[in-house]
Amino acid sequence: MTTKHVRFALLLLFVLLFLLPVYVLLVTSFKPLSEADPSQAWNLPRVWTTEAWGVAWEKLQPGIVNSFLLAVPGSLISAALGAMNGYVLSKWRFPGSELVFTLFLFGMFVPYQGVMIPLVQLMVNLGVYGGIPGLVLAHVVYGIPICTLIFRNYYVTIPDELIEASRVDGAGMLRTFASIVLPVSGPAFAVVIIWQFTSMWNDFLFAIFLTGPSSWPTTVMLNNIAGAQTVPYSQQMAAAILASIPTMIIYVLLGRFFMRGLMAGALKG
């Protein structure tokens, strides 16, 4: 057996190990409640049914809508703010820009739990507590450091000569940004949108603290799918798959740009 075959066999083994939980999720989601038991997790259903999927969708639908209302505008706003910050900090240097960038980075290390109480008080004072807009605002502000870092590291790879040429032609900051920088920013936008969309879609702590029952996103609704006497494993498994589908779609659509944008600036900047 050649090295190539050994490598392929190891990769196949890792793929199978990775897919084992997915297999359990799928087969359990198609079982009736009488068969959905941990002791039979590896067994195929004796009776295939989609009843659990219907119940899971009915329970999760409001949360999925709320999650889209949170993650779509939140990730787009985060990408726009991160692009502008990264552009200024990489191509339009000003006195103290390095200090400003350092202060931005400090925001990445502030844990959610450390700002929860003042954040709730701020939301109440702004009148946005308990709804989706307040949750979007919290995630956008909290995501500014990492979004700025990603765009700043990507934009340092753009030759300074292009920026200087646009200045010579009379283009200002915004014109240069729109005409020169934005057209080549696809990979960075893909990274930030994937990062922020996933973060917002999977958020639980901010959601449970900053929103009410009518604004709960998918993660909170998913946590509430539980039985009083028996645990509806099939419904939980179906709900978990439904909750993960949007993020998988985002990775499929934008994944080919992800590593390119993430590695940009690794050797420079």
C-alpha atoms as a PDB file:
ATOM      1  CA  MET A   1       0.000   0.000   0.000  1.00  0.00           C
ATOM      2  CA  THR A   2       1.437   3.340  -1.043  1.00  0.00           C
ATOM      3  CA  THR A   3       1.659   6.485   1.050  1.00  0.00           C
ATOM      4  CA  LYS A   4      -1.139   7.988  -1.021  1.00  0.00           C
ATOM      5  CA  HIS A   5      -3.459   5.090  -0.167  1.00  0.00           C
ATOM      6  CA  VAL A   6      -2.598   5.307   3.535  1.00  0.00           C
ATOM      7  CA  ARG A   7      -3.288   9.026   3.527  1.00  0.00           C
ATOM      8  CA  PHE A   8      -6.608   8.504   1.767  1.00  0.00           C
ATOM      9  CA  ALA A   9      -7.593   5.772   4.247  1.00  0.00           C
ATOM     10  CA  LEU A  10      -6.789   8.026   7.214  1.00  0.00           C
ATOM     11  CA  LEU A  11      -8.764  10.910   5.726  1.00  0.00           C
ATOM     12  CA  LEU A  12     -11.712   8.590   5.089  1.00  0.00           C
ATOM     13  CA  LEU A  13     -11.525   7.360   8.693  1.00  0.00           C
ATOM     14  CA  PHE A  14     -11.550  10.927  10.012  1.00  0.00           C
ATOM     15  CA  VAL A  15     -14.527  11.773   7.787  1.00  0.00           C
ATOM     16  CA  LEU A  16     -16.466   8.765   9.085  1.00  0.00           C
ATOM     17  CA  LEU A  17     -15.675   9.678  12.699  1.00  0.00           C
ATOM     18  CA  PHE A  18     -16.788  13.241  12.038  1.00  0.00           C
ATOM     19  CA  LEU A  19     -20.050  12.080  10.447  1.00  0.00           C
ATOM     20  CA  LEU A  20     -21.008   9.666  13.242  1.00  0.00           C
ATOM     21  CA  PRO A  21     -22.910  12.340  15.246  1.00  0.00           C
ATOM     22  CA  VAL A  22     -24.650  13.449  12.032  1.00  0.00           C
ATOM     23  CA  TYR A  23     -25.742   9.851  11.451  1.00  0.00           C
ATOM     24  CA  VAL A  24     -27.213   9.656  14.973  1.00  0.00           C
ATOM     25  CA  LEU A  25     -29.007  12.980  14.456  1.00  0.00           C
ATOM     26  CA  LEU A  26     -30.542  11.866  11.163  1.00  0.00           C
ATOM     27  CA  VAL A  27     -31.680   8.378  12.100  1.00  0.00           C
ATOM     28  CA  THR A  28     -33.080   9.511  15.463  1.00  0.00           C
ATOM     29  CA  SER A  29     -35.008  12.368  13.843  1.00  0.00           C
ATOM     30  CA  PHE A  30     -36.937   9.859  11.697  1.00  0.00           C
ATOM     31  CA  LYS A  31     -37.892   7.590  14.601  1.00  0.00           C
ATOM     32  CA  PRO A  32     -41.218   7.679  16.454  1.00  0.00           C
ATOM     33  CA  LEU A  33     -41.018   8.701  20.105  1.00  0.00           C
ATOM     34  CA  SER A  34     -41.289   5.063  21.207  1.00  0.00           C
ATOM     35  CA  GLU A  35     -38.029   4.210  19.391  1.00  0.00           C
ATOM     36  CA  ALA A  36     -36.112   7.438  20.089  1.00  0.00           C
ATOM     37  CA  ASP A  37     -34.054   6.179  22.990  1.00  0.00           C
ATOM     38  CA  PRO A  38     -30.285   6.568  23.691  1.00  0.00           C
ATOM     39  CA  SER A  39     -29.937   2.797  23.951  1.00  0.00           C
ATOM     40  CA  GLN A  40     -31.095   2.503  20.310  1.00  0.00           C
ATOM     41  CA  ALA A  41     -29.209   5.536  18.970  1.00  0.00           C
ATOM     42  CA  TRP A  42     -27.213   3.513  16.428  1.00  0.00           C
ATOM     43  CA  ASN A  43     -30.157   1.480  15.155  1.00  0.00           C
ATOM     44  CA  LEU A  44     -32.082   2.430  12.029  1.00  0.00           C
ATOM     45  CA  PRO A  45     -35.776   3.197  12.608  1.00  0.00           C
ATOM     46  CA  ARG A  46     -38.085   0.215  12.410  1.00  0.00           C
ATOM     47  CA  VAL A  47     -40.820   2.657  11.422  1.00  0.00           C
ATOM     48  CA  TRP A  48     -39.745   5.730   9.455  1.00  0.00           C
ATOM     49  CA  THR A  49     -41.766   8.861  10.211  1.00  0.00           C
ATOM     50  CA  THR A  50     -41.430  12.618   9.670  1.00  0.00           C
ATOM     51  CA  GLU A  51     -43.679  13.482  12.603  1.00  0.00           C
ATOM     52  CA  ALA A  52     -40.732  14.795  14.635  1.00  0.00           C
ATOM     53  CA  TRP A  53     -39.735  17.116  11.788  1.00  0.00           C
ATOM     54  CA  GLY A  54     -43.225  18.607  11.636  1.00  0.00           C
ATOM     55  CA  VAL A  55     -43.327  19.221  15.386  1.00  0.00           C
ATOM     56  CA  ALA A  56     -39.780  20.613  15.404  1.00  0.00           C
ATOM     57  CA  TRP A  57     -40.548  23.010  12.542  1.00  0.00           C
ATOM     58  CA  GLU A  58     -43.732  24.203  14.252  1.00  0.00           C
ATOM     59  CA  LYS A  59     -41.832  24.935  17.470  1.00  0.00           C
ATOM     60  CA  LEU A  60     -38.763  26.457  15.801  1.00  0.00           C
ATOM     61  CA  GLN A  61     -40.350  28.535  13.035  1.00  0.00           C
ATOM     62  CA  PRO A  62     -40.740  31.773  15.081  1.00  0.00           C
ATOM     63  CA  GLY A  63     -37.172  31.435  16.335  1.00  0.00           C
ATOM     64  CA  ILE A  64     -35.795  30.829  12.831  1.00  0.00           C
ATOM     65  CA  VAL A  65     -37.525  33.977  11.580  1.00  0.00           C
ATOM     66  CA  ASN A  66     -36.088  35.950  14.521  1.00  0.00           C
ATOM     67  CA  SER A  67     -32.623  34.522  13.864  1.00  0.00           C
ATOM     68  CA  PHE A  68     -32.751  35.668  10.232  1.00  0.00           C
ATOM     69  CA  LEU A  69     -33.912  39.119  11.356  1.00  0.00           C
ATOM     70  CA  LEU A  70     -30.881  39.170  13.658  1.00  0.00           C
ATOM     71  CA  ALA A  71     -28.129  37.511  11.630  1.00  0.00           C
ATOM     72  CA  VAL A  72     -28.702  38.924   8.137  1.00  0.00           C
ATOM     73  CA  PRO A  73     -28.732  42.676   8.917  1.00  0.00           C
ATOM     74  CA  GLY A  74     -26.273  42.213  11.774  1.00  0.00           C
ATOM     75  CA  SER A  75     -23.644  40.480   9.645  1.00  0.00           C
ATOM     76  CA  LEU A  76     -24.040  42.970   6.780  1.00  0.00           C
ATOM     77  CA  ILE A  77     -23.740  45.990   9.091  1.00  0.00           C
ATOM     78  CA  SER A  78     -20.725  44.418  10.801  1.00  0.00           C
ATOM     79  CA  ALA A  79     -19.064  43.815   7.429  1.00  0.00           C
ATOM     80  CA  ALA A  80     -19.695  47.403   6.309  1.00  0.00           C
ATOM     81  CA  LEU A  81     -18.309  48.925   9.524  1.00  0.00           C
ATOM     82  CA  GLY A  82     -15.350  46.538   9.570  1.00  0.00           C
ATOM     83  CA  ALA A  83     -14.504  47.380   5.950  1.00  0.00           C
ATOM     84  CA  MET A  84     -14.489  51.115   6.629  1.00  0.00           C
ATOM     85  CA  ASN A  85     -12.461  50.755   9.828  1.00  0.00           C
ATOM     86  CA  GLY A  86      -9.964  48.398   8.236  1.00  0.00           C
ATOM     87  CA  TYR A  87      -9.575  50.679   5.221  1.00  0.00           C
ATOM     88  CA  VAL A  88      -8.830  53.761   7.310  1.00  0.00           C
ATOM     89  CA  LEU A  89      -6.461  51.933   9.660  1.00  0.00           C
ATOM     90  CA  SER A  90      -4.496  50.320   6.834  1.00  0.00           C
ATOM     91  CA  LYS A  91      -4.409  52.895   4.008  1.00  0.00           C
ATOM     92  CA  TRP A  92      -5.218  56.304   5.505  1.00  0.00           C
ATOM     93  CA  ARG A  93      -2.915  56.444   8.486  1.00  0.00           C
ATOM     94  CA  PHE A  94      -3.300  59.288  10.965  1.00  0.00           C
ATOM     95  CA  PRO A  95      -1.469  60.236  14.171  1.00  0.00           C
ATOM     96  CA  GLY A  96      -2.328  57.646  16.814  1.00  0.00           C
ATOM     97  CA  SER A  97      -3.765  55.132  14.350  1.00  0.00           C
ATOM     98  CA  GLU A  98      -1.728  52.279  15.836  1.00  0.00           C
ATOM     99  CA  LEU A  99      -3.036  53.117  19.309  1.00  0.00           C
ATOM    100  CA  VAL A 100      -6.597  53.186  17.990  1.00  0.00           C
ATOM    101  CA  PHE A 101      -6.081  49.802  16.325  1.00  0.00           C
ATOM    102  CA  THR A 102      -4.666  48.374  19.568  1.00  0.00           C
ATOM    103  CA  LEU A 103      -7.683  49.635  21.500  1.00  0.00           C
ATOM    104  CA  PHE A 104      -9.943  47.998  18.913  1.00  0.00           C
ATOM    105  CA  LEU A 105      -8.158  44.698  19.505  1.00  0.00           C
ATOM    106  CA  PHE A 106      -8.663  44.930  23.267  1.00  0.00           C
ATOM    107  CA  GLY A 107     -12.388  44.613  22.611  1.00  0.00           C
ATOM    108  CA  MET A 108     -11.844  41.056  21.351  1.00  0.00           C
ATOM    109  CA  PHE A 109     -10.810  39.911  24.829  1.00  0.00           C
ATOM    110  CA  VAL A 110     -13.761  41.287  26.793  1.00  0.00           C
ATOM    111  CA  PRO A 111     -15.999  38.303  27.713  1.00  0.00           C
ATOM    112  CA  TYR A 112     -19.748  38.493  27.225  1.00  0.00           C
ATOM    113  CA  GLN A 113     -20.337  37.897  30.928  1.00  0.00           C
ATOM    114  CA  GLY A 114     -18.199  40.897  31.879  1.00  0.00           C
ATOM    115  CA  VAL A 115     -20.430  43.399  30.056  1.00  0.00           C
ATOM    116  CA  MET A 116     -23.842  41.805  30.535  1.00  0.00           C
ATOM    117  CA  ILE A 117     -25.157  43.969  33.398  1.00  0.00           C
ATOM    118  CA  PRO A 118     -24.039  47.359  31.989  1.00  0.00           C
ATOM    119  CA  LEU A 119     -25.189  46.236  28.536  1.00  0.00           C
ATOM    120  CA  VAL A 120     -28.702  45.510  29.822  1.00  0.00           C
ATOM    121  CA  GLN A 121     -28.780  48.908  31.547  1.00  0.00           C
ATOM    122  CA  LEU A 122     -27.630  50.605  28.334  1.00  0.00           C
ATOM    123  CA  MET A 123     -30.284  48.830  26.273  1.00  0.00           C
ATOM    124  CA  VAL A 124     -32.978  49.882  28.740  1.00  0.00           C
ATOM    125  CA  ASN A 125     -31.793  53.509  28.621  1.00  0.00           C
ATOM    126  CA  LEU A 126     -31.784  53.451  24.799  1.00  0.00           C
ATOM    127  CA  GLY A 127     -35.262  51.952  24.710  1.00  0.00           C
ATOM    128  CA  VAL A 128     -34.238  48.912  22.633  1.00  0.00           C
ATOM    129  CA  TYR A 129     -34.254  46.291  25.368  1.00  0.00           C
ATOM    130  CA  GLY A 130     -36.313  43.178  24.729  1.00  0.00           C
ATOM    131  CA  GLY A 131     -36.349  43.220  20.917  1.00  0.00           C
ATOM    132  CA  ILE A 132     -34.313  42.195  17.890  1.00  0.00           C
ATOM    133  CA  PRO A 133     -32.883  45.717  17.174  1.00  0.00           C
ATOM    134  CA  GLY A 134     -31.153  45.799  20.556  1.00  0.00           C
ATOM    135  CA  LEU A 135     -29.718  42.329  19.983  1.00  0.00           C
ATOM    136  CA  VAL A 136     -28.441  43.376  16.540  1.00  0.00           C
ATOM    137  CA  LEU A 137     -26.818  46.465  18.075  1.00  0.00           C
ATOM    138  CA  ALA A 138     -25.088  44.398  20.770  1.00  0.00           C
ATOM    139  CA  HIS A 139     -23.650  41.924  18.264  1.00  0.00           C
ATOM    140  CA  VAL A 140     -22.562  44.618  15.805  1.00  0.00           C
ATOM    141  CA  VAL A 141     -20.718  46.574  18.510  1.00  0.00           C
ATOM    142  CA  TYR A 142     -19.180  43.444  19.987  1.00  0.00           C
ATOM    143  CA  GLY A 143     -18.105  42.276  16.523  1.00  0.00           C
ATOM    144  CA  ILE A 144     -16.364  45.509  15.491  1.00  0.00           C
ATOM    145  CA  PRO A 145     -12.892  44.455  16.813  1.00  0.00           C
ATOM    146  CA  ILE A 146     -12.662  41.139  14.968  1.00  0.00           C
ATOM    147  CA  CYS A 147     -14.249  42.565  11.797  1.00  0.00           C
ATOM    148  CA  THR A 148     -11.809  45.476  11.827  1.00  0.00           C
ATOM    149  CA  LEU A 149      -8.866  43.109  12.309  1.00  0.00           C
ATOM    150  CA  ILE A 150      -9.895  40.878   9.404  1.00  0.00           C
ATOM    151  CA  PHE A 151     -10.391  43.776   6.985  1.00  0.00           C
ATOM    152  CA  ARG A 152      -7.277  45.614   8.137  1.00  0.00           C
ATOM    153  CA  ASN A 153      -5.110  42.515   7.587  1.00  0.00           C
ATOM    154  CA  TYR A 154      -6.695  41.991   4.181  1.00  0.00           C
ATOM    155  CA  TYR A 155      -6.289  45.587   3.035  1.00  0.00           C
ATOM    156  CA  VAL A 156      -2.579  45.756   3.877  1.00  0.00           C
ATOM    157  CA  THR A 157      -2.069  43.297   0.988  1.00  0.00           C
ATOM    158  CA  ILE A 158      -3.429  45.865  -1.492  1.00  0.00           C
ATOM    159  CA  PRO A 159      -0.457  47.748  -3.021  1.00  0.00           C
ATOM    160  CA  ASP A 160      -0.091  51.275  -1.695  1.00  0.00           C
ATOM    161  CA  GLU A 161       0.717  52.392  -5.240  1.00  0.00           C
ATOM    162  CA  LEU A 162      -2.940  51.902  -6.209  1.00  0.00           C
ATOM    163  CA  ILE A 163      -4.082  54.173  -3.398  1.00  0.00           C
ATOM    164  CA  GLU A 164      -1.448  56.783  -4.278  1.00  0.00           C
ATOM    165  CA  ALA A 165      -2.443  56.655  -7.956  1.00  0.00           C
ATOM    166  CA  SER A 166      -6.079  57.315  -7.067  1.00  0.00           C
ATOM    167  CA  ARG A 167      -5.020  60.283  -4.956  1.00  0.00           C
ATOM    168  CA  VAL A 168      -2.988  61.671  -7.834  1.00  0.00           C
ATOM    169  CA  ASP A 169      -6.067  61.355 -10.051  1.00  0.00           C
ATOM    170  CA  GLY A 170      -7.967  63.476  -7.548  1.00  0.00           C
ATOM    171  CA  ALA A 171      -9.985  60.744  -5.830  1.00  0.00           C
ATOM    172  CA  GLY A 172     -10.745  61.313  -2.170  1.00  0.00           C
ATOM    173  CA  MET A 173     -11.012  58.773   0.632  1.00  0.00           C
ATOM    174  CA  LEU A 174     -14.532  57.588  -0.146  1.00  0.00           C
ATOM    175  CA  ARG A 175     -14.024  57.522  -3.924  1.00  0.00           C
ATOM    176  CA  THR A 176     -10.853  55.473  -3.534  1.00  0.00           C
ATOM    177  CA  PHE A 177     -12.638  53.114  -1.165  1.00  0.00           C
ATOM    178  CA  ALA A 178     -15.561  52.621  -3.544  1.00  0.00           C
ATOM    179  CA  SER A 179     -13.576  52.390  -6.795  1.00  0.00           C
ATOM    180  CA  ILE A 180     -10.331  50.666  -5.794  1.00  0.00           C
ATOM    181  CA  VAL A 181     -10.781  48.811  -2.507  1.00  0.00           C
ATOM    182  CA  LEU A 182     -14.345  47.495  -2.465  1.00  0.00           C
ATOM    183  CA  PRO A 183     -14.145  45.638  -5.814  1.00  0.00           C
ATOM    184  CA  VAL A 184     -11.351  43.408  -4.467  1.00  0.00           C
ATOM    185  CA  SER A 185     -12.814  42.929  -0.968  1.00  0.00           C
ATOM    186  CA  GLY A 186     -14.882  39.815  -1.692  1.00  0.00           C
ATOM    187  CA  PRO A 187     -12.804  37.310   0.338  1.00  0.00           C
ATOM    188  CA  ALA A 188     -12.691  39.608   3.384  1.00  0.00           C
ATOM    189  CA  PHE A 189     -16.444  40.175   3.221  1.00  0.00           C
ATOM    190  CA  ALA A 190     -16.961  36.411   2.961  1.00  0.00           C
ATOM    191  CA  VAL A 191     -14.890  35.789   6.104  1.00  0.00           C
ATOM    192  CA  VAL A 192     -16.645  38.479   8.122  1.00  0.00           C
ATOM    193  CA  ILE A 193     -20.146  37.511   6.980  1.00  0.00           C
ATOM    194  CA  ILE A 194     -19.507  33.836   7.761  1.00  0.00           C
ATOM    195  CA  TRP A 195     -17.986  34.728  11.130  1.00  0.00           C
ATOM    196  CA  GLN A 196     -20.686  37.167  12.208  1.00  0.00           C
ATOM    197  CA  PHE A 197     -23.616  35.220  10.763  1.00  0.00           C
ATOM    198  CA  THR A 198     -22.487  32.077  12.585  1.00  0.00           C
ATOM    199  CA  SER A 199     -21.844  33.978  15.813  1.00  0.00           C
ATOM    200  CA  MET A 200     -25.248  35.662  15.754  1.00  0.00           C
ATOM    201  CA  TRP A 201     -27.124  32.545  14.659  1.00  0.00           C
ATOM    202  CA  ASN A 202     -25.565  30.474  17.451  1.00  0.00           C
ATOM    203  CA  ASP A 203     -25.876  33.148  20.132  1.00  0.00           C
ATOM    204  CA  PHE A 204     -27.615  32.130  23.323  1.00  0.00           C
ATOM    205  CA  LEU A 205     -26.312  34.331  26.144  1.00  0.00           C
ATOM    206  CA  PHE A 206     -27.071  37.729  24.601  1.00  0.00           C
ATOM    207  CA  ALA A 207     -30.399  36.418  23.305  1.00  0.00           C
ATOM    208  CA  ILE A 208     -31.619  35.155  26.665  1.00  0.00           C
ATOM    209  CA  PHE A 209     -30.563  38.367  28.452  1.00  0.00           C
ATOM    210  CA  LEU A 210     -31.506  41.023  25.905  1.00  0.00           C
ATOM    211  CA  THR A 211     -34.729  39.721  24.325  1.00  0.00           C
ATOM    212  CA  GLY A 212     -38.159  38.564  25.428  1.00  0.00           C
ATOM    213  CA  PRO A 213     -40.069  35.405  24.444  1.00  0.00           C
ATOM    214  CA  SER A 214     -41.517  36.975  21.284  1.00  0.00           C
ATOM    215  CA  SER A 215     -37.996  37.826  20.032  1.00  0.00           C
ATOM    216  CA  TRP A 216     -36.145  34.656  21.023  1.00  0.00           C
ATOM    217  CA  PRO A 217     -33.925  33.303  18.228  1.00  0.00           C
ATOM    218  CA  THR A 218     -33.455  29.688  17.204  1.00  0.00           C
ATOM    219  CA  THR A 219     -30.960  28.740  19.911  1.00  0.00           C
ATOM    220  CA  VAL A 220     -33.271  29.704  22.762  1.00  0.00           C
ATOM    221  CA  MET A 221     -36.248  27.985  21.121  1.00  0.00           C
ATOM    222  CA  LEU A 222     -34.092  24.903  20.556  1.00  0.00           C
ATOM    223  CA  ASN A 223     -33.203  24.826  24.250  1.00  0.00           C
ATOM    224  CA  ASN A 224     -36.896  24.922  25.142  1.00  0.00           C
ATOM    225  CA  ILE A 225     -37.792  21.779  23.175  1.00  0.00           C
ATOM    226  CA  ALA A 226     -38.024  19.394  26.098  1.00  0.00           C
ATOM    227  CA  GLY A 227     -40.640  17.066  27.518  1.00  0.00           C
ATOM    228  CA  ALA A 228     -42.157  17.048  30.973  1.00  0.00           C
ATOM    229  CA  GLN A 229     -42.066  13.282  31.605  1.00  0.00           C
ATOM    230  CA  THR A 230     -40.078  11.945  28.639  1.00  0.00           C
ATOM    231  CA  VAL A 231     -37.424  13.629  26.513  1.00  0.00           C
ATOM    232  CA  PRO A 232     -38.552  13.874  22.859  1.00  0.00           C
ATOM    233  CA  TYR A 233     -35.191  12.893  21.371  1.00  0.00           C
ATOM    234  CA  SER A 234     -36.482  12.629  17.823  1.00  0.00           C
ATOM    235  CA  GLN A 235     -37.909  16.163  17.959  1.00  0.00           C
ATOM    236  CA  GLN A 236     -34.690  17.514  19.475  1.00  0.00           C
ATOM    237  CA  MET A 237     -32.565  15.881  16.796  1.00  0.00           C
ATOM    238  CA  ALA A 238     -34.793  17.176  13.980  1.00  0.00           C
ATOM    239  CA  ALA A 239     -34.761  20.658  15.521  1.00  0.00           C
ATOM    240  CA  ALA A 240     -30.957  20.586  15.822  1.00  0.00           C
ATOM    241  CA  ILE A 241     -30.633  19.758  12.114  1.00  0.00           C
ATOM    242  CA  LEU A 242     -33.107  22.498  11.142  1.00  0.00           C
ATOM    243  CA  ALA A 243     -31.226  25.007  13.278  1.00  0.00           C
ATOM    244  CA  SER A 244     -27.893  24.155  11.642  1.00  0.00           C
ATOM    245  CA  ILE A 245     -29.028  24.266   8.000  1.00  0.00           C
ATOM    246  CA  PRO A 246     -28.701  28.086   7.467  1.00  0.00           C
ATOM    247  CA  THR A 247     -25.104  28.203   8.704  1.00  0.00           C
ATOM    248  CA  MET A 248     -24.211  25.216   6.521  1.00  0.00           C
ATOM    249  CA  ILE A 249     -25.698  26.990   3.510  1.00  0.00           C
ATOM    250  CA  ILE A 250     -23.618  30.113   4.280  1.00  0.00           C
ATOM    251  CA  TYR A 251     -20.440  28.022   4.441  1.00  0.00           C
ATOM    252  CA  VAL A 252     -21.281  26.254   1.184  1.00  0.00           C
ATOM    253  CA  LEU A 253     -21.953  29.533  -0.649  1.00  0.00           C
ATOM    254  CA  LEU A 254     -19.009  31.517   0.748  1.00  0.00           C
ATOM    255  CA  GLY A 255     -16.623  28.814   1.930  1.00  0.00           C
ATOM    256  CA  ARG A 256     -14.333  28.971  -1.116  1.00  0.00           C
ATOM    257  CA  PHE A 257     -13.482  32.570  -0.179  1.00  0.00           C
ATOM    258  CA  PHE A 258     -13.050  31.842   3.518  1.00  0.00           C
ATOM    259  CA  MET A 259      -9.466  30.591   3.707  1.00  0.00           C
ATOM    260  CA  ARG A 260      -8.286  33.082   1.077  1.00  0.00           C
ATOM    261  CA  GLY A 261      -9.653  35.991   3.092  1.00  0.00           C
ATOM    262  CA  LEU A 262      -8.545  34.536   6.428  1.00  0.00           C
ATOM    263  CA  MET A 263      -4.931  34.040   5.297  1.00  0.00           C
ATOM    264  CA  ALA A 264      -4.652  37.444   3.602  1.00  0.00           C
ATOM    265  CA  GLY A 265      -2.196  39.598   5.488  1.00  0.00           C
ATOM    266  CA  ALA A 266      -0.612  36.616   7.260  1.00  0.00           C
ATOM    267  CA  LEU A 267       2.793  37.470   5.831  1.00  0.00           C
ATOM    268  CA  LYS A 268       2.343  41.213   5.770  1.00  0.00           C
ATOM    269  CA  GLY A 269       0.739  43.738   8.064  1.00  0.00           C
END
